């Protein structure tokens, strides 16, 4: 076989390898959200003003929050990928421009809160900020998540513009949101604590990422998250010490939104004064954790 024939064969093999690699890469980047998800995760819900410049713009259960300022707006969580038109409609129904969103945040890097994040970032040009421990999962579309990973790309990958650490402050206009590192549910689960005000008074608001357990495995079996038990214990202890007027969560069902507010209800921030409900849920989660680790 001549040199030219050998080189031709080599080039064909190399091209075939490149095509195969490209196919594998494309397949790896295809987004496939899990099936058989609760219907209420995608059902529409009438947007409303919670308190001051804080608004609910999510679905019937996947909570998304809009914080408005004269310098632009902040969006926390995005629900599923298909929820983008609904969220945009909710924002605009309230009288705000979707492209005025300047900062994107999430309480956890799971597909049900990150589904539309990358597309919203592209549409608005907003900066995406995330707890540093969830940055890698956000960047690979959920593939490396310790509990939900290993089944392909669950949401469109997105790279962080800013990594947040416990106690960091997110500023926009007059707003200052303190990020609280509350790991366990994901390695970078987090909550946000901030103040809003209306003509009557100011309100300290907690958007809490409740530390529910998402894995059926024994914690000792999760080798890529060796500190999971300590993280859950830390988070529950830290959350019990927080002080606030209003508390909300990543899921509407967790803070019983539908009992506290019905579409068309008048503006009433006091509906979300519920320290008792918060403490009861924390106690339930603590009991769930104790059963898991003992």
C-alpha atoms as a PDB file:
ATOM      1  CA  UNK A   1       0.000   0.000   0.000  1.00  0.00           C
ATOM      2  CA  UNK A   2       1.434   3.353  -1.018  1.00  0.00           C
ATOM      3  CA  UNK A   3       2.005   6.312   1.267  1.00  0.00           C
ATOM      4  CA  UNK A   4      -0.867   8.209  -0.380  1.00  0.00           C
ATOM      5  CA  UNK A   5      -3.261   5.294   0.122  1.00  0.00           C
ATOM      6  CA  UNK A   6      -2.253   5.046   3.788  1.00  0.00           C
ATOM      7  CA  UNK A   7      -2.774   8.760   4.297  1.00  0.00           C
ATOM      8  CA  UNK A   8      -6.168   8.583   2.584  1.00  0.00           C
ATOM      9  CA  UNK A   9      -7.256   5.715   4.859  1.00  0.00           C
ATOM     10  CA  UNK A  10      -5.996   7.562   7.916  1.00  0.00           C
ATOM     11  CA  UNK A  11      -7.885  10.727   6.936  1.00  0.00           C
ATOM     12  CA  UNK A  12     -11.110   8.765   6.450  1.00  0.00           C
ATOM     13  CA  UNK A  13     -10.725   7.094   9.850  1.00  0.00           C
ATOM     14  CA  UNK A  14      -9.981  10.450  11.439  1.00  0.00           C
ATOM     15  CA  UNK A  15     -13.044  12.016   9.801  1.00  0.00           C
ATOM     16  CA  UNK A  16     -15.243   9.146  10.953  1.00  0.00           C
ATOM     17  CA  UNK A  17     -13.923   9.530  14.481  1.00  0.00           C
ATOM     18  CA  UNK A  18     -14.588  13.273  14.419  1.00  0.00           C
ATOM     19  CA  UNK A  19     -18.137  12.727  13.170  1.00  0.00           C
ATOM     20  CA  UNK A  20     -18.751  10.142  15.881  1.00  0.00           C
ATOM     21  CA  UNK A  21     -17.346  12.463  18.546  1.00  0.00           C
ATOM     22  CA  UNK A  22     -19.496  15.340  17.274  1.00  0.00           C
ATOM     23  CA  UNK A  23     -22.593  13.126  17.367  1.00  0.00           C
ATOM     24  CA  UNK A  24     -21.830  12.056  20.933  1.00  0.00           C
ATOM     25  CA  UNK A  25     -21.232  15.687  21.939  1.00  0.00           C
ATOM     26  CA  UNK A  26     -24.518  16.843  20.402  1.00  0.00           C
ATOM     27  CA  UNK A  27     -26.429  14.029  22.098  1.00  0.00           C
ATOM     28  CA  UNK A  28     -24.824  14.912  25.419  1.00  0.00           C
ATOM     29  CA  UNK A  29     -26.014  18.520  25.059  1.00  0.00           C
ATOM     30  CA  UNK A  30     -29.594  17.687  24.106  1.00  0.00           C
ATOM     31  CA  UNK A  31     -31.943  18.767  26.860  1.00  0.00           C
ATOM     32  CA  UNK A  32     -34.373  16.185  28.148  1.00  0.00           C
ATOM     33  CA  UNK A  33     -36.406  17.175  31.175  1.00  0.00           C
ATOM     34  CA  UNK A  34     -37.661  14.275  33.304  1.00  0.00           C
ATOM     35  CA  UNK A  35     -41.091  12.941  32.386  1.00  0.00           C
ATOM     36  CA  UNK A  36     -44.208  12.467  34.538  1.00  0.00           C
ATOM     37  CA  UNK A  37     -43.771  15.710  36.440  1.00  0.00           C
ATOM     38  CA  UNK A  38     -46.653  17.167  38.504  1.00  0.00           C
ATOM     39  CA  UNK A  39     -49.204  19.043  36.389  1.00  0.00           C
ATOM     40  CA  UNK A  40     -49.193  22.031  38.748  1.00  0.00           C
ATOM     41  CA  UNK A  41     -45.549  22.676  37.897  1.00  0.00           C
ATOM     42  CA  UNK A  42     -46.596  24.043  34.524  1.00  0.00           C
ATOM     43  CA  UNK A  43     -50.136  25.274  35.234  1.00  0.00           C
ATOM     44  CA  UNK A  44     -50.537  29.064  34.971  1.00  0.00           C
ATOM     45  CA  UNK A  45     -51.116  31.222  38.036  1.00  0.00           C
ATOM     46  CA  UNK A  46     -52.193  34.855  38.055  1.00  0.00           C
ATOM     47  CA  UNK A  47     -49.205  37.058  38.934  1.00  0.00           C
ATOM     48  CA  UNK A  48     -49.600  39.359  41.922  1.00  0.00           C
ATOM     49  CA  UNK A  49     -47.831  41.789  44.223  1.00  0.00           C
ATOM     50  CA  UNK A  50     -46.654  40.100  47.414  1.00  0.00           C
ATOM     51  CA  UNK A  51     -45.221  43.101  49.252  1.00  0.00           C
ATOM     52  CA  UNK A  52     -43.651  46.363  48.176  1.00  0.00           C
ATOM     53  CA  UNK A  53     -41.652  45.786  44.991  1.00  0.00           C
ATOM     54  CA  UNK A  54     -41.765  41.978  45.274  1.00  0.00           C
ATOM     55  CA  UNK A  55     -44.043  40.018  42.913  1.00  0.00           C
ATOM     56  CA  UNK A  56     -44.995  36.406  42.252  1.00  0.00           C
ATOM     57  CA  UNK A  57     -44.596  35.502  38.553  1.00  0.00           C
ATOM     58  CA  UNK A  58     -44.336  31.706  38.671  1.00  0.00           C
ATOM     59  CA  UNK A  59     -46.628  28.797  37.925  1.00  0.00           C
ATOM     60  CA  UNK A  60     -49.153  27.157  40.223  1.00  0.00           C
ATOM     61  CA  UNK A  61     -46.329  25.467  42.132  1.00  0.00           C
ATOM     62  CA  UNK A  62     -42.919  26.443  40.779  1.00  0.00           C
ATOM     63  CA  UNK A  63     -42.305  29.756  42.474  1.00  0.00           C
ATOM     64  CA  UNK A  64     -40.617  32.563  40.533  1.00  0.00           C
ATOM     65  CA  UNK A  65     -40.134  36.007  42.039  1.00  0.00           C
ATOM     66  CA  UNK A  66     -39.662  39.415  40.443  1.00  0.00           C
ATOM     67  CA  UNK A  67     -38.045  42.231  42.411  1.00  0.00           C
ATOM     68  CA  UNK A  68     -38.305  45.596  40.693  1.00  0.00           C
ATOM     69  CA  UNK A  69     -36.077  48.658  40.978  1.00  0.00           C
ATOM     70  CA  UNK A  70     -35.600  51.875  38.953  1.00  0.00           C
ATOM     71  CA  UNK A  71     -32.259  50.412  37.813  1.00  0.00           C
ATOM     72  CA  UNK A  72     -33.780  47.190  36.448  1.00  0.00           C
ATOM     73  CA  UNK A  73     -35.272  44.023  37.886  1.00  0.00           C
ATOM     74  CA  UNK A  74     -34.217  40.764  39.505  1.00  0.00           C
ATOM     75  CA  UNK A  75     -35.777  37.391  38.654  1.00  0.00           C
ATOM     76  CA  UNK A  76     -35.395  34.478  41.080  1.00  0.00           C
ATOM     77  CA  UNK A  77     -36.043  31.015  39.531  1.00  0.00           C
ATOM     78  CA  UNK A  78     -37.584  30.266  36.134  1.00  0.00           C
ATOM     79  CA  UNK A  79     -39.554  27.030  36.409  1.00  0.00           C
ATOM     80  CA  UNK A  80     -39.473  24.532  33.531  1.00  0.00           C
ATOM     81  CA  UNK A  81     -38.130  25.290  30.059  1.00  0.00           C
ATOM     82  CA  UNK A  82     -41.637  25.540  28.587  1.00  0.00           C
ATOM     83  CA  UNK A  83     -42.639  28.082  31.248  1.00  0.00           C
ATOM     84  CA  UNK A  84     -40.716  30.929  29.629  1.00  0.00           C
ATOM     85  CA  UNK A  85     -43.727  32.386  27.723  1.00  0.00           C
ATOM     86  CA  UNK A  86     -45.851  32.159  30.873  1.00  0.00           C
ATOM     87  CA  UNK A  87     -43.250  33.920  33.016  1.00  0.00           C
ATOM     88  CA  UNK A  88     -42.738  36.614  30.403  1.00  0.00           C
ATOM     89  CA  UNK A  89     -46.499  37.126  30.159  1.00  0.00           C
ATOM     90  CA  UNK A  90     -46.776  37.339  33.951  1.00  0.00           C
ATOM     91  CA  UNK A  91     -44.043  39.969  34.134  1.00  0.00           C
ATOM     92  CA  UNK A  92     -45.646  42.046  31.392  1.00  0.00           C
ATOM     93  CA  UNK A  93     -49.150  41.629  32.831  1.00  0.00           C
ATOM     94  CA  UNK A  94     -47.861  43.331  35.964  1.00  0.00           C
ATOM     95  CA  UNK A  95     -46.736  46.266  33.822  1.00  0.00           C
ATOM     96  CA  UNK A  96     -42.995  45.570  33.643  1.00  0.00           C
ATOM     97  CA  UNK A  97     -40.720  45.028  30.653  1.00  0.00           C
ATOM     98  CA  UNK A  98     -39.222  41.557  30.400  1.00  0.00           C
ATOM     99  CA  UNK A  99     -35.969  42.957  29.022  1.00  0.00           C
ATOM    100  CA  UNK A 100     -35.554  45.090  32.141  1.00  0.00           C
ATOM    101  CA  UNK A 101     -34.449  41.966  34.019  1.00  0.00           C
ATOM    102  CA  UNK A 102     -30.807  42.644  34.899  1.00  0.00           C
ATOM    103  CA  UNK A 103     -30.008  39.866  37.375  1.00  0.00           C
ATOM    104  CA  UNK A 104     -30.983  36.192  37.366  1.00  0.00           C
ATOM    105  CA  UNK A 105     -30.803  34.121  40.553  1.00  0.00           C
ATOM    106  CA  UNK A 106     -31.818  30.611  41.557  1.00  0.00           C
ATOM    107  CA  UNK A 107     -32.461  28.886  44.855  1.00  0.00           C
ATOM    108  CA  UNK A 108     -31.147  25.568  43.495  1.00  0.00           C
ATOM    109  CA  UNK A 109     -29.673  24.157  40.285  1.00  0.00           C
ATOM    110  CA  UNK A 110     -32.468  21.717  39.445  1.00  0.00           C
ATOM    111  CA  UNK A 111     -34.356  21.630  36.149  1.00  0.00           C
ATOM    112  CA  UNK A 112     -37.644  22.698  37.754  1.00  0.00           C
ATOM    113  CA  UNK A 113     -36.103  26.042  38.750  1.00  0.00           C
ATOM    114  CA  UNK A 114     -33.477  26.422  36.018  1.00  0.00           C
ATOM    115  CA  UNK A 115     -35.371  25.231  32.939  1.00  0.00           C
ATOM    116  CA  UNK A 116     -35.677  28.612  31.214  1.00  0.00           C
ATOM    117  CA  UNK A 117     -32.693  30.354  32.805  1.00  0.00           C
ATOM    118  CA  UNK A 118     -30.298  30.193  29.836  1.00  0.00           C
ATOM    119  CA  UNK A 119     -32.931  31.381  27.357  1.00  0.00           C
ATOM    120  CA  UNK A 120     -33.993  34.264  29.601  1.00  0.00           C
ATOM    121  CA  UNK A 121     -30.356  35.276  29.971  1.00  0.00           C
ATOM    122  CA  UNK A 122     -30.007  35.312  26.174  1.00  0.00           C
ATOM    123  CA  UNK A 123     -33.202  37.333  25.696  1.00  0.00           C
ATOM    124  CA  UNK A 124     -32.518  39.911  28.409  1.00  0.00           C
ATOM    125  CA  UNK A 125     -28.728  39.993  28.630  1.00  0.00           C
ATOM    126  CA  UNK A 126     -29.070  39.684  32.407  1.00  0.00           C
ATOM    127  CA  UNK A 127     -26.233  38.503  34.639  1.00  0.00           C
ATOM    128  CA  UNK A 128     -26.654  35.023  36.093  1.00  0.00           C
ATOM    129  CA  UNK A 129     -25.432  34.690  39.683  1.00  0.00           C
ATOM    130  CA  UNK A 130     -25.345  31.389  41.535  1.00  0.00           C
ATOM    131  CA  UNK A 131     -24.057  29.828  44.743  1.00  0.00           C
ATOM    132  CA  UNK A 132     -20.537  28.656  43.912  1.00  0.00           C
ATOM    133  CA  UNK A 133     -21.354  25.061  44.913  1.00  0.00           C
ATOM    134  CA  UNK A 134     -24.065  24.860  42.223  1.00  0.00           C
ATOM    135  CA  UNK A 135     -22.058  26.584  39.482  1.00  0.00           C
ATOM    136  CA  UNK A 136     -20.693  23.389  37.928  1.00  0.00           C
ATOM    137  CA  UNK A 137     -24.125  21.746  37.859  1.00  0.00           C
ATOM    138  CA  UNK A 138     -25.594  24.865  36.225  1.00  0.00           C
ATOM    139  CA  UNK A 139     -22.779  24.811  33.665  1.00  0.00           C
ATOM    140  CA  UNK A 140     -23.390  21.177  32.664  1.00  0.00           C
ATOM    141  CA  UNK A 141     -27.179  21.332  32.647  1.00  0.00           C
ATOM    142  CA  UNK A 142     -27.650  19.148  35.708  1.00  0.00           C
ATOM    143  CA  UNK A 143     -25.554  16.233  34.466  1.00  0.00           C
ATOM    144  CA  UNK A 144     -23.308  16.186  37.541  1.00  0.00           C
ATOM    145  CA  UNK A 145     -25.986  16.684  40.202  1.00  0.00           C
ATOM    146  CA  UNK A 146     -25.436  14.118  42.962  1.00  0.00           C
ATOM    147  CA  UNK A 147     -29.116  13.114  43.132  1.00  0.00           C
ATOM    148  CA  UNK A 148     -30.732  13.900  39.771  1.00  0.00           C
ATOM    149  CA  UNK A 149     -27.663  13.671  37.539  1.00  0.00           C
ATOM    150  CA  UNK A 150     -26.491  10.796  35.405  1.00  0.00           C
ATOM    151  CA  UNK A 151     -29.500  10.868  33.072  1.00  0.00           C
ATOM    152  CA  UNK A 152     -28.365  13.414  30.502  1.00  0.00           C
ATOM    153  CA  UNK A 153     -28.806  17.173  30.313  1.00  0.00           C
ATOM    154  CA  UNK A 154     -31.927  18.201  32.233  1.00  0.00           C
ATOM    155  CA  UNK A 155     -31.793  21.921  31.428  1.00  0.00           C
ATOM    156  CA  UNK A 156     -29.868  24.146  29.049  1.00  0.00           C
ATOM    157  CA  UNK A 157     -26.372  24.692  30.489  1.00  0.00           C
ATOM    158  CA  UNK A 158     -25.565  28.186  31.696  1.00  0.00           C
ATOM    159  CA  UNK A 159     -22.301  29.681  32.904  1.00  0.00           C
ATOM    160  CA  UNK A 160     -22.308  31.944  35.935  1.00  0.00           C
ATOM    161  CA  UNK A 161     -21.365  35.600  35.618  1.00  0.00           C
ATOM    162  CA  UNK A 162     -20.810  35.797  39.369  1.00  0.00           C
ATOM    163  CA  UNK A 163     -20.223  33.121  41.991  1.00  0.00           C
ATOM    164  CA  UNK A 164     -21.950  33.771  45.307  1.00  0.00           C
ATOM    165  CA  UNK A 165     -20.770  32.717  48.754  1.00  0.00           C
ATOM    166  CA  UNK A 166     -22.571  32.630  52.078  1.00  0.00           C
ATOM    167  CA  UNK A 167     -23.407  36.181  53.173  1.00  0.00           C
ATOM    168  CA  UNK A 168     -22.653  37.791  49.817  1.00  0.00           C
ATOM    169  CA  UNK A 169     -24.871  40.719  48.874  1.00  0.00           C
ATOM    170  CA  UNK A 170     -26.556  41.065  45.479  1.00  0.00           C
ATOM    171  CA  UNK A 171     -27.155  44.739  44.764  1.00  0.00           C
ATOM    172  CA  UNK A 172     -29.324  46.455  42.183  1.00  0.00           C
ATOM    173  CA  UNK A 173     -30.573  49.993  42.646  1.00  0.00           C
ATOM    174  CA  UNK A 174     -31.609  50.327  46.275  1.00  0.00           C
ATOM    175  CA  UNK A 175     -32.094  46.560  46.710  1.00  0.00           C
ATOM    176  CA  UNK A 176     -29.674  44.443  48.702  1.00  0.00           C
ATOM    177  CA  UNK A 177     -30.271  40.696  48.807  1.00  0.00           C
ATOM    178  CA  UNK A 178     -28.179  38.614  51.181  1.00  0.00           C
ATOM    179  CA  UNK A 179     -27.514  35.118  49.841  1.00  0.00           C
ATOM    180  CA  UNK A 180     -27.592  32.402  52.503  1.00  0.00           C
ATOM    181  CA  UNK A 181     -25.797  29.140  51.684  1.00  0.00           C
ATOM    182  CA  UNK A 182     -28.266  26.370  52.634  1.00  0.00           C
ATOM    183  CA  UNK A 183     -26.819  23.163  51.130  1.00  0.00           C
ATOM    184  CA  UNK A 184     -28.206  19.634  51.165  1.00  0.00           C
ATOM    185  CA  UNK A 185     -31.014  19.591  48.620  1.00  0.00           C
ATOM    186  CA  UNK A 186     -28.255  20.519  46.188  1.00  0.00           C
ATOM    187  CA  UNK A 187     -24.666  21.300  47.064  1.00  0.00           C
ATOM    188  CA  UNK A 188     -25.373  24.974  46.429  1.00  0.00           C
ATOM    189  CA  UNK A 189     -28.966  25.374  47.538  1.00  0.00           C
ATOM    190  CA  UNK A 190     -29.489  28.856  48.889  1.00  0.00           C
ATOM    191  CA  UNK A 191     -32.000  31.294  50.315  1.00  0.00           C
ATOM    192  CA  UNK A 192     -32.306  35.068  49.997  1.00  0.00           C
ATOM    193  CA  UNK A 193     -32.998  37.576  52.772  1.00  0.00           C
ATOM    194  CA  UNK A 194     -33.894  41.191  51.971  1.00  0.00           C
ATOM    195  CA  UNK A 195     -36.157  44.142  52.791  1.00  0.00           C
ATOM    196  CA  UNK A 196     -38.976  45.631  50.737  1.00  0.00           C
ATOM    197  CA  UNK A 197     -41.363  48.413  51.667  1.00  0.00           C
ATOM    198  CA  UNK A 198     -44.653  50.007  50.735  1.00  0.00           C
ATOM    199  CA  UNK A 199     -46.403  53.170  51.928  1.00  0.00           C
ATOM    200  CA  UNK A 200     -47.278  51.543  55.243  1.00  0.00           C
ATOM    201  CA  UNK A 201     -44.056  49.865  56.391  1.00  0.00           C
ATOM    202  CA  UNK A 202     -41.031  47.781  55.493  1.00  0.00           C
ATOM    203  CA  UNK A 203     -40.933  43.982  55.451  1.00  0.00           C
ATOM    204  CA  UNK A 204     -38.047  41.594  55.917  1.00  0.00           C
ATOM    205  CA  UNK A 205     -38.534  38.818  53.377  1.00  0.00           C
ATOM    206  CA  UNK A 206     -37.028  35.348  53.311  1.00  0.00           C
ATOM    207  CA  UNK A 207     -37.189  33.340  50.102  1.00  0.00           C
ATOM    208  CA  UNK A 208     -36.266  29.992  51.616  1.00  0.00           C
ATOM    209  CA  UNK A 209     -34.937  26.935  49.871  1.00  0.00           C
ATOM    210  CA  UNK A 210     -36.395  24.287  52.142  1.00  0.00           C
ATOM    211  CA  UNK A 211     -33.943  21.371  52.637  1.00  0.00           C
ATOM    212  CA  UNK A 212     -36.099  18.489  51.460  1.00  0.00           C
ATOM    213  CA  UNK A 213     -34.363  15.165  50.796  1.00  0.00           C
ATOM    214  CA  UNK A 214     -34.334  14.221  47.121  1.00  0.00           C
ATOM    215  CA  UNK A 215     -32.292  11.039  47.121  1.00  0.00           C
ATOM    216  CA  UNK A 216     -33.508   7.557  48.008  1.00  0.00           C
ATOM    217  CA  UNK A 217     -29.957   6.374  48.581  1.00  0.00           C
ATOM    218  CA  UNK A 218     -28.346   6.144  51.975  1.00  0.00           C
ATOM    219  CA  UNK A 219     -26.235   9.214  52.549  1.00  0.00           C
ATOM    220  CA  UNK A 220     -23.230   6.964  53.113  1.00  0.00           C
ATOM    221  CA  UNK A 221     -23.641   5.674  49.537  1.00  0.00           C
ATOM    222  CA  UNK A 222     -23.341   9.121  47.962  1.00  0.00           C
ATOM    223  CA  UNK A 223     -19.597   9.156  47.446  1.00  0.00           C
ATOM    224  CA  UNK A 224     -19.504  12.385  45.412  1.00  0.00           C
ATOM    225  CA  UNK A 225     -21.134  14.314  48.261  1.00  0.00           C
ATOM    226  CA  UNK A 226     -19.361  13.109  51.409  1.00  0.00           C
ATOM    227  CA  UNK A 227     -20.507  16.106  53.486  1.00  0.00           C
ATOM    228  CA  UNK A 228     -24.209  15.722  52.738  1.00  0.00           C
ATOM    229  CA  UNK A 229     -25.230  14.838  56.307  1.00  0.00           C
ATOM    230  CA  UNK A 230     -23.260  17.722  57.809  1.00  0.00           C
ATOM    231  CA  UNK A 231     -24.708  20.103  55.226  1.00  0.00           C
ATOM    232  CA  UNK A 232     -28.309  19.148  56.021  1.00  0.00           C
ATOM    233  CA  UNK A 233     -27.681  19.466  59.757  1.00  0.00           C
ATOM    234  CA  UNK A 234     -26.019  22.847  59.257  1.00  0.00           C
ATOM    235  CA  UNK A 235     -28.816  24.167  57.029  1.00  0.00           C
ATOM    236  CA  UNK A 236     -31.640  23.218  59.378  1.00  0.00           C
ATOM    237  CA  UNK A 237     -29.826  24.737  62.343  1.00  0.00           C
ATOM    238  CA  UNK A 238     -29.120  27.943  60.408  1.00  0.00           C
ATOM    239  CA  UNK A 239     -32.696  28.273  59.134  1.00  0.00           C
ATOM    240  CA  UNK A 240     -34.155  27.974  62.638  1.00  0.00           C
ATOM    241  CA  UNK A 241     -32.229  31.095  63.669  1.00  0.00           C
ATOM    242  CA  UNK A 242     -33.484  33.364  60.880  1.00  0.00           C
ATOM    243  CA  UNK A 243     -35.770  36.329  61.562  1.00  0.00           C
ATOM    244  CA  UNK A 244     -38.243  37.690  59.016  1.00  0.00           C
ATOM    245  CA  UNK A 245     -41.751  39.068  58.521  1.00  0.00           C
ATOM    246  CA  UNK A 246     -42.638  37.221  55.312  1.00  0.00           C
ATOM    247  CA  UNK A 247     -41.389  33.839  54.168  1.00  0.00           C
ATOM    248  CA  UNK A 248     -41.736  32.256  50.746  1.00  0.00           C
ATOM    249  CA  UNK A 249     -40.136  29.187  49.166  1.00  0.00           C
ATOM    250  CA  UNK A 250     -39.034  27.527  45.940  1.00  0.00           C
ATOM    251  CA  UNK A 251     -42.367  25.707  45.651  1.00  0.00           C
ATOM    252  CA  UNK A 252     -45.721  27.394  46.265  1.00  0.00           C
ATOM    253  CA  UNK A 253     -46.961  24.286  48.057  1.00  0.00           C
ATOM    254  CA  UNK A 254     -44.196  24.567  50.645  1.00  0.00           C
ATOM    255  CA  UNK A 255     -45.479  27.890  51.986  1.00  0.00           C
ATOM    256  CA  UNK A 256     -49.142  27.114  51.193  1.00  0.00           C
ATOM    257  CA  UNK A 257     -49.559  29.899  48.675  1.00  0.00           C
ATOM    258  CA  UNK A 258     -53.009  28.755  47.595  1.00  0.00           C
ATOM    259  CA  UNK A 259     -54.348  28.964  51.156  1.00  0.00           C
ATOM    260  CA  UNK A 260     -52.862  32.413  51.699  1.00  0.00           C
ATOM    261  CA  UNK A 261     -53.725  33.988  48.361  1.00  0.00           C
ATOM    262  CA  UNK A 262     -56.368  33.424  45.703  1.00  0.00           C
ATOM    263  CA  UNK A 263     -56.285  35.027  42.244  1.00  0.00           C
ATOM    264  CA  UNK A 264     -57.983  38.399  42.436  1.00  0.00           C
ATOM    265  CA  UNK A 265     -57.340  38.897  46.160  1.00  0.00           C
ATOM    266  CA  UNK A 266     -56.510  42.419  47.276  1.00  0.00           C
ATOM    267  CA  UNK A 267     -52.947  43.390  48.164  1.00  0.00           C
ATOM    268  CA  UNK A 268     -52.275  42.037  51.647  1.00  0.00           C
ATOM    269  CA  UNK A 269     -48.662  41.355  52.674  1.00  0.00           C
ATOM    270  CA  UNK A 270     -49.823  40.154  56.094  1.00  0.00           C
ATOM    271  CA  UNK A 271     -51.189  37.026  54.404  1.00  0.00           C
ATOM    272  CA  UNK A 272     -47.604  35.803  54.302  1.00  0.00           C
ATOM    273  CA  UNK A 273     -46.819  36.431  57.969  1.00  0.00           C
ATOM    274  CA  UNK A 274     -46.507  32.823  59.029  1.00  0.00           C
ATOM    275  CA  UNK A 275     -43.696  32.057  61.446  1.00  0.00           C
ATOM    276  CA  UNK A 276     -45.676  29.124  62.819  1.00  0.00           C
ATOM    277  CA  UNK A 277     -45.966  27.473  59.407  1.00  0.00           C
ATOM    278  CA  UNK A 278     -42.258  27.986  58.788  1.00  0.00           C
ATOM    279  CA  UNK A 279     -41.257  26.464  62.131  1.00  0.00           C
ATOM    280  CA  UNK A 280     -43.584  23.498  61.636  1.00  0.00           C
ATOM    281  CA  UNK A 281     -42.117  22.740  58.213  1.00  0.00           C
ATOM    282  CA  UNK A 282     -38.564  23.022  59.537  1.00  0.00           C
ATOM    283  CA  UNK A 283     -39.492  20.581  62.309  1.00  0.00           C
ATOM    284  CA  UNK A 284     -40.954  18.113  59.774  1.00  0.00           C
ATOM    285  CA  UNK A 285     -37.798  18.310  57.671  1.00  0.00           C
ATOM    286  CA  UNK A 286     -35.651  17.801  60.745  1.00  0.00           C
ATOM    287  CA  UNK A 287     -37.625  14.660  61.620  1.00  0.00           C
ATOM    288  CA  UNK A 288     -37.257  13.428  58.034  1.00  0.00           C
ATOM    289  CA  UNK A 289     -33.506  13.941  58.250  1.00  0.00           C
ATOM    290  CA  UNK A 290     -33.250  12.127  61.574  1.00  0.00           C
ATOM    291  CA  UNK A 291     -35.063   9.115  60.108  1.00  0.00           C
ATOM    292  CA  UNK A 292     -32.694   9.175  57.144  1.00  0.00           C
ATOM    293  CA  UNK A 293     -29.487   9.191  59.140  1.00  0.00           C
ATOM    294  CA  UNK A 294     -30.436   6.910  62.035  1.00  0.00           C
END
